């Protein structure tokens, strides 16, 4: 069975306190359920988006590494959930 990886992140502490991460997680899990997929949540929390590299996003780096290195040849789906 395929896995839907749900990466959650907000860019400010005020968003983190305002249930945005919870909303992202719930929407991702709901989508996985509708598609009949397993899910795994990767929560980065409040991480600034001011840098264009992954050095300040260790959770995203771990997610990408797991997909790339450790779980071949399993099929994967990746989704980034966000609130506007």
PDB file of N, CA and C in Angstrom:
ATOM      1  N   UNK A   1       0.850  -1.185   0.000  1.00  0.00           N
ATOM      2  CA  UNK A   1       0.000   0.000   0.000  1.00  0.00           C
ATOM      3  C   UNK A   1       0.890   1.241   0.000  1.00  0.00           C
ATOM      4  N   UNK A   2       0.506   2.207  -0.778  1.00  0.00           N
ATOM      5  CA  UNK A   2       1.245   3.471  -0.852  1.00  0.00           C
ATOM      6  C   UNK A   2       1.057   4.287   0.419  1.00  0.00           C
ATOM      7  N   UNK A   3       2.014   5.154   0.665  1.00  0.00           N
ATOM      8  CA  UNK A   3       1.968   6.034   1.829  1.00  0.00           C
ATOM      9  C   UNK A   3       1.888   7.480   1.371  1.00  0.00           C
ATOM     10  N   UNK A   4       0.974   8.202   1.963  1.00  0.00           N
ATOM     11  CA  UNK A   4       0.883   9.641   1.733  1.00  0.00           C
ATOM     12  C   UNK A   4       1.674  10.320   2.836  1.00  0.00           C
ATOM     13  N   UNK A   5       2.749  10.990   2.463  1.00  0.00           N
ATOM     14  CA  UNK A   5       3.563  11.714   3.432  1.00  0.00           C
ATOM     15  C   UNK A   5       3.009  13.131   3.550  1.00  0.00           C
ATOM     16  N   UNK A   6       2.687  13.519   4.762  1.00  0.00           N
ATOM     17  CA  UNK A   6       2.073  14.820   5.029  1.00  0.00           C
ATOM     18  C   UNK A   6       3.105  15.683   5.738  1.00  0.00           C
ATOM     19  N   UNK A   7       3.583  16.693   5.043  1.00  0.00           N
ATOM     20  CA  UNK A   7       4.587  17.603   5.603  1.00  0.00           C
ATOM     21  C   UNK A   7       3.873  18.871   6.063  1.00  0.00           C
ATOM     22  N   UNK A   8       3.943  19.154   7.375  1.00  0.00           N
ATOM     23  CA  UNK A   8       3.276  20.328   7.923  1.00  0.00           C
ATOM     24  C   UNK A   8       4.309  21.328   8.421  1.00  0.00           C
ATOM     25  N   UNK A   9       4.008  22.595   8.180  1.00  0.00           N
ATOM     26  CA  UNK A   9       4.946  23.655   8.548  1.00  0.00           C
ATOM     27  C   UNK A   9       4.218  24.989   8.487  1.00  0.00           C
ATOM     28  N   UNK A  10       4.583  25.885   9.361  1.00  0.00           N
ATOM     29  CA  UNK A  10       4.144  27.276   9.289  1.00  0.00           C
ATOM     30  C   UNK A  10       5.380  28.154   9.380  1.00  0.00           C
ATOM     31  N   UNK A  11       5.241  29.399   8.944  1.00  0.00           N
ATOM     32  CA  UNK A  11       6.420  30.258   8.917  1.00  0.00           C
ATOM     33  C   UNK A  11       6.519  31.197  10.105  1.00  0.00           C
ATOM     34  N   UNK A  12       5.487  31.258  10.932  1.00  0.00           N
ATOM     35  CA  UNK A  12       5.553  32.150  12.095  1.00  0.00           C
ATOM     36  C   UNK A  12       5.000  31.450  13.332  1.00  0.00           C
ATOM     37  N   UNK A  13       5.466  31.880  14.487  1.00  0.00           N
ATOM     38  CA  UNK A  13       4.965  31.323  15.742  1.00  0.00           C
ATOM     39  C   UNK A  13       3.478  31.591  15.917  1.00  0.00           C
ATOM     40  N   UNK A  14       2.986  32.741  15.434  1.00  0.00           N
ATOM     41  CA  UNK A  14       1.567  33.045  15.615  1.00  0.00           C
ATOM     42  C   UNK A  14       0.700  32.076  14.816  1.00  0.00           C
ATOM     43  N   UNK A  15       1.152  31.642  13.648  1.00  0.00           N
ATOM     44  CA  UNK A  15       0.414  30.629  12.899  1.00  0.00           C
ATOM     45  C   UNK A  15       0.426  29.304  13.646  1.00  0.00           C
ATOM     46  N   UNK A  16       1.561  28.979  14.254  1.00  0.00           N
ATOM     47  CA  UNK A  16       1.683  27.720  14.984  1.00  0.00           C
ATOM     48  C   UNK A  16       0.682  27.681  16.129  1.00  0.00           C
ATOM     49  N   UNK A  17       0.499  28.800  16.806  1.00  0.00           N
ATOM     50  CA  UNK A  17      -0.427  28.865  17.927  1.00  0.00           C
ATOM     51  C   UNK A  17      -1.888  28.898  17.491  1.00  0.00           C
ATOM     52  N   UNK A  18      -2.127  29.160  16.220  1.00  0.00           N
ATOM     53  CA  UNK A  18      -3.485  29.362  15.731  1.00  0.00           C
ATOM     54  C   UNK A  18      -4.051  28.114  15.046  1.00  0.00           C
ATOM     55  N   UNK A  19      -3.630  26.945  15.434  1.00  0.00           N
ATOM     56  CA  UNK A  19      -4.119  25.642  14.960  1.00  0.00           C
ATOM     57  C   UNK A  19      -3.826  25.361  13.491  1.00  0.00           C
ATOM     58  N   UNK A  20      -3.034  26.168  12.828  1.00  0.00           N
ATOM     59  CA  UNK A  20      -2.744  25.920  11.425  1.00  0.00           C
ATOM     60  C   UNK A  20      -2.084  24.561  11.215  1.00  0.00           C
ATOM     61  N   UNK A  21      -1.139  24.186  12.073  1.00  0.00           N
ATOM     62  CA  UNK A  21      -0.493  22.883  11.938  1.00  0.00           C
ATOM     63  C   UNK A  21      -1.500  21.749  12.115  1.00  0.00           C
ATOM     64  N   UNK A  22      -2.398  21.910  13.054  1.00  0.00           N
ATOM     65  CA  UNK A  22      -3.431  20.912  13.289  1.00  0.00           C
ATOM     66  C   UNK A  22      -4.337  20.788  12.055  1.00  0.00           C
ATOM     67  N   UNK A  23      -4.713  21.906  11.473  1.00  0.00           N
ATOM     68  CA  UNK A  23      -5.558  21.895  10.281  1.00  0.00           C
ATOM     69  C   UNK A  23      -4.856  21.191   9.121  1.00  0.00           C
ATOM     70  N   UNK A  24      -3.573  21.480   8.930  1.00  0.00           N
ATOM     71  CA  UNK A  24      -2.818  20.838   7.858  1.00  0.00           C
ATOM     72  C   UNK A  24      -2.791  19.325   8.057  1.00  0.00           C
ATOM     73  N   UNK A  25      -2.528  18.909   9.288  1.00  0.00           N
ATOM     74  CA  UNK A  25      -2.462  17.481   9.607  1.00  0.00           C
ATOM     75  C   UNK A  25      -3.807  16.808   9.348  1.00  0.00           C
ATOM     76  N   UNK A  26      -4.873  17.412   9.835  1.00  0.00           N
ATOM     77  CA  UNK A  26      -6.208  16.831   9.668  1.00  0.00           C
ATOM     78  C   UNK A  26      -6.601  16.720   8.203  1.00  0.00           C
ATOM     79  N   UNK A  27      -6.300  17.760   7.411  1.00  0.00           N
ATOM     80  CA  UNK A  27      -6.634  17.712   5.984  1.00  0.00           C
ATOM     81  C   UNK A  27      -5.829  16.641   5.261  1.00  0.00           C
ATOM     82  N   UNK A  28      -4.567  16.506   5.613  1.00  0.00           N
ATOM     83  CA  UNK A  28      -3.743  15.469   4.997  1.00  0.00           C
ATOM     84  C   UNK A  28      -4.237  14.071   5.336  1.00  0.00           C
ATOM     85  N   UNK A  29      -4.561  13.844   6.598  1.00  0.00           N
ATOM     86  CA  UNK A  29      -5.059  12.530   7.018  1.00  0.00           C
ATOM     87  C   UNK A  29      -6.390  12.228   6.349  1.00  0.00           C
ATOM     88  N   UNK A  30      -7.248  13.223   6.250  1.00  0.00           N
ATOM     89  CA  UNK A  30      -8.534  13.052   5.583  1.00  0.00           C
ATOM     90  C   UNK A  30      -8.332  12.661   4.115  1.00  0.00           C
ATOM     91  N   UNK A  31      -7.390  13.311   3.449  1.00  0.00           N
ATOM     92  CA  UNK A  31      -7.100  12.982   2.053  1.00  0.00           C
ATOM     93  C   UNK A  31      -6.576  11.553   1.937  1.00  0.00           C
ATOM     94  N   UNK A  32      -5.660  11.169   2.819  1.00  0.00           N
ATOM     95  CA  UNK A  32      -5.133   9.802   2.795  1.00  0.00           C
ATOM     96  C   UNK A  32      -6.257   8.786   2.975  1.00  0.00           C
ATOM     97  N   UNK A  33      -7.166   9.063   3.899  1.00  0.00           N
ATOM     98  CA  UNK A  33      -8.297   8.161   4.125  1.00  0.00           C
ATOM     99  C   UNK A  33      -9.169   8.048   2.875  1.00  0.00           C
ATOM    100  N   UNK A  34      -9.470   9.179   2.239  1.00  0.00           N
ATOM    101  CA  UNK A  34     -10.303   9.174   1.029  1.00  0.00           C
ATOM    102  C   UNK A  34      -9.645   8.402  -0.112  1.00  0.00           C
ATOM    103  N   UNK A  35      -8.309   8.468  -0.187  1.00  0.00           N
ATOM    104  CA  UNK A  35      -7.582   7.790  -1.256  1.00  0.00           C
ATOM    105  C   UNK A  35      -7.215   6.351  -0.905  1.00  0.00           C
ATOM    106  N   UNK A  36      -7.518   5.938   0.320  1.00  0.00           N
ATOM    107  CA  UNK A  36      -7.205   4.582   0.743  1.00  0.00           C
ATOM    108  C   UNK A  36      -5.714   4.350   0.945  1.00  0.00           C
ATOM    109  N   UNK A  37      -5.000   5.379   1.389  1.00  0.00           N
ATOM    110  CA  UNK A  37      -3.558   5.299   1.589  1.00  0.00           C
ATOM    111  C   UNK A  37      -3.212   5.316   3.069  1.00  0.00           C
ATOM    112  N   UNK A  38      -2.075   4.695   3.407  1.00  0.00           N
ATOM    113  CA  UNK A  38      -1.511   4.894   4.734  1.00  0.00           C
ATOM    114  C   UNK A  38      -0.995   6.329   4.769  1.00  0.00           C
ATOM    115  N   UNK A  39      -0.742   6.833   5.967  1.00  0.00           N
ATOM    116  CA  UNK A  39      -0.184   8.184   6.051  1.00  0.00           C
ATOM    117  C   UNK A  39       0.914   8.243   7.109  1.00  0.00           C
ATOM    118  N   UNK A  40       1.786   9.205   6.915  1.00  0.00           N
ATOM    119  CA  UNK A  40       2.822   9.513   7.899  1.00  0.00           C
ATOM    120  C   UNK A  40       2.951  11.031   7.938  1.00  0.00           C
ATOM    121  N   UNK A  41       2.861  11.594   9.136  1.00  0.00           N
ATOM    122  CA  UNK A  41       2.922  13.043   9.304  1.00  0.00           C
ATOM    123  C   UNK A  41       4.343  13.454   9.672  1.00  0.00           C
ATOM    124  N   UNK A  42       4.841  14.461   8.995  1.00  0.00           N
ATOM    125  CA  UNK A  42       6.155  15.051   9.247  1.00  0.00           C
ATOM    126  C   UNK A  42       5.910  16.503   9.642  1.00  0.00           C
ATOM    127  N   UNK A  43       6.135  16.842  10.901  1.00  0.00           N
ATOM    128  CA  UNK A  43       5.824  18.183  11.404  1.00  0.00           C
ATOM    129  C   UNK A  43       7.097  19.001  11.608  1.00  0.00           C
ATOM    130  N   UNK A  44       7.250  20.034  10.804  1.00  0.00           N
ATOM    131  CA  UNK A  44       8.405  20.921  10.918  1.00  0.00           C
ATOM    132  C   UNK A  44       8.148  22.031  11.931  1.00  0.00           C
ATOM    133  N   UNK A  45       6.894  22.260  12.295  1.00  0.00           N
ATOM    134  CA  UNK A  45       6.576  23.331  13.236  1.00  0.00           C
ATOM    135  C   UNK A  45       6.704  24.692  12.572  1.00  0.00           C
ATOM    136  N   UNK A  46       7.185  25.654  13.312  1.00  0.00           N
ATOM    137  CA  UNK A  46       7.373  27.008  12.779  1.00  0.00           C
ATOM    138  C   UNK A  46       8.805  27.130  12.274  1.00  0.00           C
ATOM    139  N   UNK A  47       8.950  27.163  10.946  1.00  0.00           N
ATOM    140  CA  UNK A  47      10.277  27.265  10.341  1.00  0.00           C
ATOM    141  C   UNK A  47      10.263  28.399   9.327  1.00  0.00           C
ATOM    142  N   UNK A  48      11.170  29.312   9.461  1.00  0.00           N
ATOM    143  CA  UNK A  48      11.226  30.456   8.565  1.00  0.00           C
ATOM    144  C   UNK A  48      11.451  30.010   7.135  1.00  0.00           C
ATOM    145  N   UNK A  49      10.824  30.721   6.203  1.00  0.00           N
ATOM    146  CA  UNK A  49      11.016  30.426   4.787  1.00  0.00           C
ATOM    147  C   UNK A  49      11.932  31.449   4.131  1.00  0.00           C
ATOM    148  N   UNK A  50      12.677  32.189   4.916  1.00  0.00           N
ATOM    149  CA  UNK A  50      13.516  33.256   4.367  1.00  0.00           C
ATOM    150  C   UNK A  50      14.775  32.727   3.682  1.00  0.00           C
ATOM    151  N   UNK A  51      15.117  31.453   3.898  1.00  0.00           N
ATOM    152  CA  UNK A  51      16.298  30.870   3.265  1.00  0.00           C
ATOM    153  C   UNK A  51      15.869  29.891   2.184  1.00  0.00           C
ATOM    154  N   UNK A  52      16.647  29.859   1.092  1.00  0.00           N
ATOM    155  CA  UNK A  52      16.298  28.999  -0.032  1.00  0.00           C
ATOM    156  C   UNK A  52      16.962  27.631   0.020  1.00  0.00           C
ATOM    157  N   UNK A  53      17.487  27.219   1.164  1.00  0.00           N
ATOM    158  CA  UNK A  53      18.086  25.901   1.257  1.00  0.00           C
ATOM    159  C   UNK A  53      17.383  25.086   2.338  1.00  0.00           C
ATOM    160  N   UNK A  54      17.745  23.825   2.421  1.00  0.00           N
ATOM    161  CA  UNK A  54      17.080  22.921   3.366  1.00  0.00           C
ATOM    162  C   UNK A  54      17.750  22.855   4.729  1.00  0.00           C
ATOM    163  N   UNK A  55      18.805  23.625   4.931  1.00  0.00           N
ATOM    164  CA  UNK A  55      19.532  23.539   6.199  1.00  0.00           C
ATOM    165  C   UNK A  55      18.673  23.881   7.407  1.00  0.00           C
ATOM    166  N   UNK A  56      17.689  24.741   7.228  1.00  0.00           N
ATOM    167  CA  UNK A  56      16.824  25.097   8.353  1.00  0.00           C
ATOM    168  C   UNK A  56      15.527  24.285   8.351  1.00  0.00           C
ATOM    169  N   UNK A  57      15.502  23.187   7.598  1.00  0.00           N
ATOM    170  CA  UNK A  57      14.330  22.313   7.534  1.00  0.00           C
ATOM    171  C   UNK A  57      14.725  20.851   7.725  1.00  0.00           C
ATOM    172  N   UNK A  58      15.160  20.483   8.918  1.00  0.00           N
ATOM    173  CA  UNK A  58      15.648  19.113   9.132  1.00  0.00           C
ATOM    174  C   UNK A  58      14.572  18.045   8.940  1.00  0.00           C
ATOM    175  N   UNK A  59      13.329  18.350   9.247  1.00  0.00           N
ATOM    176  CA  UNK A  59      12.266  17.362   9.083  1.00  0.00           C
ATOM    177  C   UNK A  59      12.037  17.087   7.591  1.00  0.00           C
ATOM    178  N   UNK A  60      12.014  18.131   6.780  1.00  0.00           N
ATOM    179  CA  UNK A  60      11.856  17.947   5.338  1.00  0.00           C
ATOM    180  C   UNK A  60      13.030  17.154   4.769  1.00  0.00           C
ATOM    181  N   UNK A  61      14.234  17.453   5.249  1.00  0.00           N
ATOM    182  CA  UNK A  61      15.402  16.701   4.794  1.00  0.00           C
ATOM    183  C   UNK A  61      15.265  15.216   5.150  1.00  0.00           C
ATOM    184  N   UNK A  62      14.773  14.925   6.328  1.00  0.00           N
ATOM    185  CA  UNK A  62      14.585  13.532   6.739  1.00  0.00           C
ATOM    186  C   UNK A  62      13.521  12.836   5.895  1.00  0.00           C
ATOM    187  N   UNK A  63      12.446  13.536   5.619  1.00  0.00           N
ATOM    188  CA  UNK A  63      11.389  12.983   4.780  1.00  0.00           C
ATOM    189  C   UNK A  63      11.940  12.627   3.401  1.00  0.00           C
ATOM    190  N   UNK A  64      12.655  13.553   2.784  1.00  0.00           N
ATOM    191  CA  UNK A  64      13.209  13.318   1.449  1.00  0.00           C
ATOM    192  C   UNK A  64      14.229  12.179   1.469  1.00  0.00           C
ATOM    193  N   UNK A  65      15.016  12.117   2.530  1.00  0.00           N
ATOM    194  CA  UNK A  65      16.006  11.042   2.641  1.00  0.00           C
ATOM    195  C   UNK A  65      15.323   9.686   2.769  1.00  0.00           C
ATOM    196  N   UNK A  66      14.272   9.603   3.568  1.00  0.00           N
ATOM    197  CA  UNK A  66      13.554   8.332   3.723  1.00  0.00           C
ATOM    198  C   UNK A  66      12.992   7.872   2.392  1.00  0.00           C
ATOM    199  N   UNK A  67      12.403   8.781   1.660  1.00  0.00           N
ATOM    200  CA  UNK A  67      11.829   8.422   0.369  1.00  0.00           C
ATOM    201  C   UNK A  67      12.924   8.008  -0.614  1.00  0.00           C
ATOM    202  N   UNK A  68      14.020   8.735  -0.608  1.00  0.00           N
ATOM    203  CA  UNK A  68      15.092   8.476  -1.565  1.00  0.00           C
ATOM    204  C   UNK A  68      15.887   7.217  -1.230  1.00  0.00           C
ATOM    205  N   UNK A  69      16.252   7.037   0.042  1.00  0.00           N
ATOM    206  CA  UNK A  69      17.213   6.002   0.409  1.00  0.00           C
ATOM    207  C   UNK A  69      16.614   4.706   0.941  1.00  0.00           C
ATOM    208  N   UNK A  70      15.726   4.835   1.895  1.00  0.00           N
ATOM    209  CA  UNK A  70      15.432   3.671   2.709  1.00  0.00           C
ATOM    210  C   UNK A  70      14.286   2.787   2.311  1.00  0.00           C
ATOM    211  N   UNK A  71      13.481   3.175   1.363  1.00  0.00           N
ATOM    212  CA  UNK A  71      12.249   2.427   1.166  1.00  0.00           C
ATOM    213  C   UNK A  71      11.990   2.042  -0.282  1.00  0.00           C
ATOM    214  N   UNK A  72      13.011   1.853  -1.044  1.00  0.00           N
ATOM    215  CA  UNK A  72      12.814   1.418  -2.424  1.00  0.00           C
ATOM    216  C   UNK A  72      12.423  -0.045  -2.412  1.00  0.00           C
ATOM    217  N   UNK A  73      11.623  -0.536  -3.286  1.00  0.00           N
ATOM    218  CA  UNK A  73      10.974   0.153  -4.398  1.00  0.00           C
ATOM    219  C   UNK A  73       9.537   0.551  -4.108  1.00  0.00           C
ATOM    220  N   UNK A  74       9.181   0.759  -2.858  1.00  0.00           N
ATOM    221  CA  UNK A  74       7.807   1.122  -2.520  1.00  0.00           C
ATOM    222  C   UNK A  74       7.377   2.410  -3.217  1.00  0.00           C
ATOM    223  N   UNK A  75       6.120   2.476  -3.656  1.00  0.00           N
ATOM    224  CA  UNK A  75       5.634   3.731  -4.250  1.00  0.00           C
ATOM    225  C   UNK A  75       5.308   4.740  -3.150  1.00  0.00           C
ATOM    226  N   UNK A  76       5.539   5.995  -3.430  1.00  0.00           N
ATOM    227  CA  UNK A  76       5.269   7.055  -2.459  1.00  0.00           C
ATOM    228  C   UNK A  76       4.484   8.175  -3.091  1.00  0.00           C
ATOM    229  N   UNK A  77       3.739   8.841  -2.275  1.00  0.00           N
ATOM    230  CA  UNK A  77       3.046  10.062  -2.633  1.00  0.00           C
ATOM    231  C   UNK A  77       3.468  11.101  -1.615  1.00  0.00           C
ATOM    232  N   UNK A  78       3.603  12.338  -2.068  1.00  0.00           N
ATOM    233  CA  UNK A  78       4.013  13.412  -1.174  1.00  0.00           C
ATOM    234  C   UNK A  78       3.037  14.558  -1.312  1.00  0.00           C
ATOM    235  N   UNK A  79       2.626  15.095  -0.183  1.00  0.00           N
ATOM    236  CA  UNK A  79       1.739  16.253  -0.210  1.00  0.00           C
ATOM    237  C   UNK A  79       2.219  17.255   0.810  1.00  0.00           C
ATOM    238  N   UNK A  80       2.136  18.515   0.465  1.00  0.00           N
ATOM    239  CA  UNK A  80       2.392  19.577   1.411  1.00  0.00           C
ATOM    240  C   UNK A  80       1.073  20.284   1.653  1.00  0.00           C
ATOM    241  N   UNK A  81       0.563  20.191   2.851  1.00  0.00           N
ATOM    242  CA  UNK A  81      -0.714  20.830   3.187  1.00  0.00           C
ATOM    243  C   UNK A  81      -0.427  22.223   3.750  1.00  0.00           C
ATOM    244  N   UNK A  82      -1.256  23.179   3.420  1.00  0.00           N
ATOM    245  CA  UNK A  82      -1.072  24.520   3.948  1.00  0.00           C
ATOM    246  C   UNK A  82      -2.394  25.229   4.079  1.00  0.00           C
ATOM    247  N   UNK A  83      -2.394  26.217   4.923  1.00  0.00           N
ATOM    248  CA  UNK A  83      -3.560  27.079   5.113  1.00  0.00           C
ATOM    249  C   UNK A  83      -3.200  28.466   4.633  1.00  0.00           C
ATOM    250  N   UNK A  84      -4.105  29.115   3.988  1.00  0.00           N
ATOM    251  CA  UNK A  84      -3.819  30.493   3.532  1.00  0.00           C
ATOM    252  C   UNK A  84      -4.303  31.501   4.556  1.00  0.00           C
TER     253      UNK A  84
END
